[in-house]
Structure formats: structure tokens, C-alpha cells
Amino acid sequence: MAGKLSNRDRIAQKAAEAAATAQEKQEKADKKAKSTPRAAPRKAGKGSAKTARSPGRIKIVWRVCNPAGVEVKSFPYAQEAEARAEAERMTTQLGRTHFVRRDEVPLSS
């Protein structure tokens, strides 16, 4: 039966185990690197479909929409109060809820 290890012996044993583990990991990584064929580097393309380019300059308009979300009337950004009043008027006149939606449209040249 082995006796109790001194602190120095325990530290030396742990260091030897760590070195052996590190060496095994390095050998596995080297073996994997040699056996795995490398893929050709990706060409810098136009980008993915998720990263669509912004249309450049945009303007904000207020759209009065019916309950189905279809645009009924459009107002410039500065006329938000008029757009809300028109939505309220259409709601009371037609009996269906109309709402105002903020929308971004490309700025035409």
C-alpha cells in the first residue's frame, strides 16, 4: 500500500498528468488536421440574403390603413395630426377601425 504523498509529490504527479493530457490532445489535433481536407476559402460575394443593402436615403410617411392593413391614404411626415384625424373620421364614418402606420419609403430623386 502506498503511503501518503507529500505535497511536492502530489504537485509533480498532477503536472505529469496534465502534460500527458496536453500531449494527447495535441496529437489528436495534428492527426485531425492532416486527415481533414481543407475547404477552399470563401470568395467575398455580394453578401447573404439576410443582409440586404439599405435603399439609401428614405423618407417617412404616415399611412392610413383599413382593418386588413391595406393603405387607404398617405400623408407626409409633417402631417401626422391630419393623418390621425383622417383615420378617426374614416372609423366613425365607415364603422370599421382605421389606423395610422409609420412607413419608410425610398426618397425619389
Protein backbone atom coordinates (compact mmCIF):
# COMPACT_ATOMS: atom_id res chain seq x y z
CA MET A 1 0.00 0.00 0.00
CA ALA A 2 1.33 3.35 -0.99
CA GLY A 3 1.77 5.84 1.74
CA LYS A 4 0.53 9.35 1.79
CA LEU A 5 2.04 11.57 -0.89
CA SER A 6 3.79 14.72 0.13
CA ASN A 7 2.58 18.00 -1.28
CA ARG A 8 5.61 18.17 -3.61
CA ASP A 9 4.93 14.67 -4.93
CA ARG A 10 1.24 15.42 -5.48
CA ILE A 11 2.07 18.58 -7.43
CA ALA A 12 4.60 16.69 -9.55
CA GLN A 13 2.09 13.92 -10.25
CA LYS A 14 -0.61 16.41 -11.32
CA ALA A 15 1.87 18.23 -13.57
CA ALA A 16 2.88 14.95 -15.24
CA GLU A 17 -0.79 14.03 -15.81
CA ALA A 18 -1.53 17.49 -17.27
CA ALA A 19 1.48 17.26 -19.61
CA ALA A 20 0.40 13.82 -20.83
CA THR A 21 -3.16 15.03 -21.42
CA ALA A 22 -1.92 18.09 -23.32
CA GLN A 23 0.33 15.92 -25.48
CA GLU A 24 -2.56 13.55 -26.30
CA LYS A 25 -4.79 16.47 -27.28
CA GLN A 26 -2.05 17.92 -29.48
CA GLU A 27 -1.55 14.55 -31.22
CA LYS A 28 -5.31 14.26 -31.88
CA ALA A 29 -5.44 17.79 -33.27
CA ASP A 30 -2.46 17.15 -35.55
CA LYS A 31 -3.96 13.88 -36.78
CA LYS A 32 -7.31 15.54 -37.44
CA ALA A 33 -5.67 18.44 -39.29
CA LYS A 34 -3.79 16.05 -41.56
CA SER A 35 -6.80 13.84 -42.33
CA THR A 36 -9.41 16.60 -42.85
CA PRO A 37 -9.26 18.18 -46.30
CA ARG A 38 -9.40 21.94 -46.18
CA ALA A 39 -12.21 23.69 -47.99
CA ALA A 40 -11.37 26.40 -50.47
CA PRO A 41 -11.57 29.85 -48.92
CA ARG A 42 -14.87 31.61 -49.49
CA LYS A 43 -14.96 34.33 -52.05
CA ALA A 44 -16.12 37.72 -50.92
CA GLY A 45 -19.54 37.84 -52.50
CA LYS A 46 -22.39 40.22 -52.59
CA GLY A 47 -23.42 39.23 -49.07
CA SER A 48 -26.10 36.99 -47.77
CA ALA A 49 -29.76 37.42 -48.40
CA LYS A 50 -30.23 38.44 -44.77
CA THR A 51 -28.01 41.49 -45.08
CA ALA A 52 -29.85 43.45 -47.71
CA ARG A 53 -28.42 46.85 -48.52
CA SER A 54 -30.32 49.83 -47.29
CA PRO A 55 -32.04 51.73 -50.09
CA GLY A 56 -30.02 54.82 -49.27
CA ARG A 57 -31.96 57.90 -48.29
CA ILE A 58 -35.51 57.35 -47.13
CA LYS A 59 -38.44 59.50 -46.10
CA ILE A 60 -41.10 58.70 -43.56
CA VAL A 61 -44.78 58.89 -44.41
CA TRP A 62 -47.95 58.21 -42.42
CA ARG A 63 -50.30 55.70 -44.00
CA VAL A 64 -53.97 55.42 -43.04
CA CYS A 65 -54.89 51.74 -43.28
CA ASN A 66 -58.13 49.77 -43.13
CA PRO A 67 -58.62 46.84 -40.72
CA ALA A 68 -56.97 44.47 -43.24
CA GLY A 69 -53.82 46.62 -43.21
CA VAL A 70 -54.27 47.89 -46.77
CA GLU A 71 -53.25 51.50 -47.34
CA VAL A 72 -56.18 53.86 -47.92
CA LYS A 73 -54.42 57.20 -47.85
CA SER A 74 -50.87 58.51 -47.37
CA PHE A 75 -49.61 61.70 -45.68
CA PRO A 76 -46.13 63.29 -45.45
CA TYR A 77 -44.28 63.03 -42.14
CA ALA A 78 -45.10 66.59 -41.07
CA GLN A 79 -48.85 65.91 -41.33
CA GLU A 80 -49.21 63.27 -38.62
CA ALA A 81 -52.12 65.09 -36.96
CA GLU A 82 -54.02 65.22 -40.25
CA ALA A 83 -53.40 61.50 -40.83
CA ARG A 84 -54.72 60.64 -37.36
CA ALA A 85 -57.76 62.89 -37.89
CA GLU A 86 -58.46 61.20 -41.24
CA ALA A 87 -58.21 57.74 -39.62
CA GLU A 88 -60.62 58.84 -36.89
CA ARG A 89 -63.03 60.31 -39.48
CA MET A 90 -62.97 57.09 -41.56
CA THR A 91 -63.51 54.98 -38.44
CA THR A 92 -66.62 56.91 -37.43
CA GLN A 93 -67.94 57.26 -40.99
CA LEU A 94 -67.45 53.66 -42.14
CA GLY A 95 -67.87 51.92 -38.78
CA ARG A 96 -64.63 49.97 -39.11
CA THR A 97 -61.42 50.76 -37.26
CA HIS A 98 -58.82 52.54 -39.36
CA PHE A 99 -55.32 53.13 -38.04
CA VAL A 100 -52.20 55.14 -38.84
CA ARG A 101 -48.93 53.40 -39.61
CA ARG A 102 -45.48 54.95 -39.95
CA ASP A 103 -43.77 53.73 -43.11
CA GLU A 104 -40.39 54.30 -44.74
CA VAL A 105 -40.21 54.85 -48.50
CA PRO A 106 -37.16 55.48 -50.69
CA LEU A 107 -36.50 59.13 -51.39
CA SER A 108 -37.19 59.75 -55.07
CA SER A 109 -34.65 61.90 -56.92
